[in-house]
Amino acid sequence: MMDVFAAFNADVATQSQWIQVWLNVLVGVLALSIPFSFVRVEARWTLLGLVAGAGGVMLLYSQFGYSRILGLGHVIAWTPLVVYLLARRASWQVESTWAGKWIVAAVAVLLVSLAFDYVDVIRWLLGERA
C-alpha cells in the first residue's frame, strides 16, 4: 500500500504548481475537521468524508493510475457530504463560532473540488483517459 501512496505522490509532484497548491489547501481545510470533530457533528462527518474520498481515490489510482477517473472517489464520498452540510446550514453559527466559519470554508473547498471532479469524471467517461 505504501508503494501506491508513493507512486501517487510522485504523480502529483509532476502536476502544475497551482494543482499542488490547490490540493494542499483542500487537504489543509478538510484536515481541520479533526480538532473540530470534538465539538461539531458536521466535522465528524467531514472527517469521514475526507477518509472515504481519499480511500476512493487511492483505490481508483491502484486500478487506473493517475487519470481523470480519480475524481469519482470524491464525487461518491463528497456529494452526499455537501448535501448534508448544506442541509444543516441553519445550525452553523458562522458569526459566533470558529467551527461555523470552518464549515463555510470546508463547504467552499468541497464545492470547488467537486466542480473539477465532476468535469474530470465526465471527460473520462467521454473517452479522455489522460
Protein backbone atom coordinates (compact mmCIF):
# COMPACT_ATOMS: atom_id res chain seq x y z
CA MET A 1 0.00 0.00 0.00
CA MET A 2 2.87 2.38 0.72
CA ASP A 3 4.03 1.86 -2.86
CA VAL A 4 0.64 3.15 -4.09
CA PHE A 5 0.92 6.26 -1.89
CA ALA A 6 4.50 6.88 -3.03
CA ALA A 7 3.56 6.48 -6.70
CA PHE A 8 0.52 8.75 -6.25
CA ASN A 9 2.63 11.43 -4.57
CA ALA A 10 5.20 11.18 -7.36
CA ASP A 11 2.45 11.67 -9.96
CA VAL A 12 1.02 14.65 -8.05
CA ALA A 13 4.51 16.17 -7.94
CA THR A 14 4.56 16.26 -11.76
CA GLN A 15 1.36 18.35 -11.91
CA SER A 16 1.18 22.11 -12.36
CA GLN A 17 2.08 24.19 -9.33
CA TRP A 18 -1.49 25.50 -8.96
CA ILE A 19 -2.82 21.93 -8.71
CA GLN A 20 -0.33 21.13 -5.97
CA VAL A 21 -1.23 24.32 -4.09
CA TRP A 22 -4.95 23.58 -4.50
CA LEU A 23 -4.50 20.04 -3.13
CA ASN A 24 -2.64 21.43 -0.12
CA VAL A 25 -5.41 23.96 0.55
CA LEU A 26 -8.07 21.26 0.14
CA VAL A 27 -6.36 18.82 2.49
CA GLY A 28 -5.47 21.57 4.95
CA VAL A 29 -9.02 22.86 5.26
CA LEU A 30 -10.54 19.38 5.46
CA ALA A 31 -7.90 18.23 7.98
CA LEU A 32 -9.21 20.88 10.35
CA SER A 33 -12.18 18.55 10.73
CA ILE A 34 -10.01 16.63 13.22
CA PRO A 35 -9.96 19.24 16.00
CA PHE A 36 -13.47 20.50 15.19
CA SER A 37 -14.81 16.94 15.38
CA PHE A 38 -14.62 17.19 19.17
CA VAL A 39 -17.33 19.85 19.14
CA ARG A 40 -19.30 19.54 15.89
CA VAL A 41 -21.10 16.62 14.28
CA GLU A 42 -20.56 18.25 10.86
CA ALA A 43 -16.82 17.96 11.40
CA ARG A 44 -17.10 14.27 12.26
CA TRP A 45 -18.97 13.64 9.00
CA THR A 46 -16.44 15.76 7.12
CA LEU A 47 -13.59 13.72 8.59
CA LEU A 48 -15.34 10.54 7.48
CA GLY A 49 -15.83 12.09 4.02
CA LEU A 50 -12.15 13.02 3.86
CA VAL A 51 -11.09 9.47 4.69
CA ALA A 52 -13.65 7.93 2.31
CA GLY A 53 -12.74 10.32 -0.51
CA ALA A 54 -9.01 9.70 -0.10
CA GLY A 55 -9.60 5.96 0.13
CA GLY A 56 -11.69 6.02 -3.03
CA VAL A 57 -9.04 7.98 -4.89
CA MET A 58 -6.32 5.55 -3.78
CA LEU A 59 -8.43 2.55 -4.80
CA LEU A 60 -9.09 4.06 -8.22
CA TYR A 61 -5.44 5.07 -8.56
CA SER A 62 -4.34 1.48 -7.88
CA GLN A 63 -6.61 0.30 -10.70
CA PHE A 64 -6.36 3.09 -13.31
CA GLY A 65 -3.26 5.10 -12.47
CA TYR A 66 -3.25 8.88 -12.46
CA SER A 67 -6.22 9.73 -14.67
CA ARG A 68 -9.43 11.73 -14.65
CA ILE A 69 -11.41 8.84 -13.13
CA LEU A 70 -9.81 9.61 -9.76
CA GLY A 71 -12.43 12.32 -9.32
CA LEU A 72 -15.04 9.59 -8.92
CA GLY A 73 -13.68 8.87 -5.44
CA HIS A 74 -14.52 12.42 -4.40
CA VAL A 75 -17.83 12.51 -6.25
CA ILE A 76 -19.09 9.41 -4.43
CA ALA A 77 -17.91 10.49 -0.96
CA TRP A 78 -18.30 14.26 -1.08
CA THR A 79 -21.57 14.81 -2.92
CA PRO A 80 -23.70 13.40 -0.08
CA LEU A 81 -21.42 15.15 2.44
CA VAL A 82 -22.04 18.56 0.85
CA VAL A 83 -25.79 17.89 0.68
CA TYR A 84 -25.73 17.00 4.39
CA LEU A 85 -23.66 20.04 5.36
CA LEU A 86 -25.87 22.41 3.38
CA ALA A 87 -28.99 20.89 4.93
CA ARG A 88 -27.55 21.79 8.36
CA ARG A 89 -26.53 25.34 7.46
CA ALA A 90 -29.07 26.85 9.89
CA SER A 91 -27.01 25.40 12.76
CA TRP A 92 -23.55 26.50 11.57
CA GLN A 93 -23.32 29.58 13.84
CA VAL A 94 -20.91 31.28 11.44
CA GLU A 95 -20.79 34.63 13.21
CA SER A 96 -20.30 33.25 16.69
CA THR A 97 -18.01 30.20 16.37
CA TRP A 98 -14.74 29.25 14.70
CA ALA A 99 -16.29 25.90 13.84
CA GLY A 100 -19.05 27.67 11.93
CA LYS A 101 -16.51 29.68 9.97
CA TRP A 102 -14.59 26.49 9.24
CA ILE A 103 -17.74 24.76 7.92
CA VAL A 104 -18.19 27.57 5.40
CA ALA A 105 -14.59 27.15 4.26
CA ALA A 106 -14.97 23.36 4.10
CA VAL A 107 -18.13 23.56 2.01
CA ALA A 108 -16.46 26.08 -0.30
CA VAL A 109 -13.41 23.90 -0.96
CA LEU A 110 -15.59 20.80 -1.33
CA LEU A 111 -17.78 22.54 -3.92
CA VAL A 112 -14.77 23.79 -5.90
CA SER A 113 -13.18 20.36 -5.78
CA LEU A 114 -16.42 18.66 -6.82
CA ALA A 115 -16.75 21.01 -9.79
CA PHE A 116 -13.33 19.85 -11.03
CA ASP A 117 -14.11 16.24 -10.14
CA TYR A 118 -17.44 16.10 -11.98
CA VAL A 119 -15.83 17.61 -15.09
CA ASP A 120 -12.95 15.12 -14.88
CA VAL A 121 -15.25 12.12 -14.49
CA ILE A 122 -17.45 13.24 -17.39
CA ARG A 123 -14.38 13.78 -19.57
CA TRP A 124 -13.09 10.32 -18.59
CA LEU A 125 -16.47 8.75 -19.46
CA LEU A 126 -16.35 10.51 -22.83
CA GLY A 127 -13.03 8.82 -23.56
CA GLU A 128 -10.41 11.28 -22.35
CA ARG A 129 -8.33 8.88 -20.28
CA ALA A 130 -5.24 11.01 -19.62
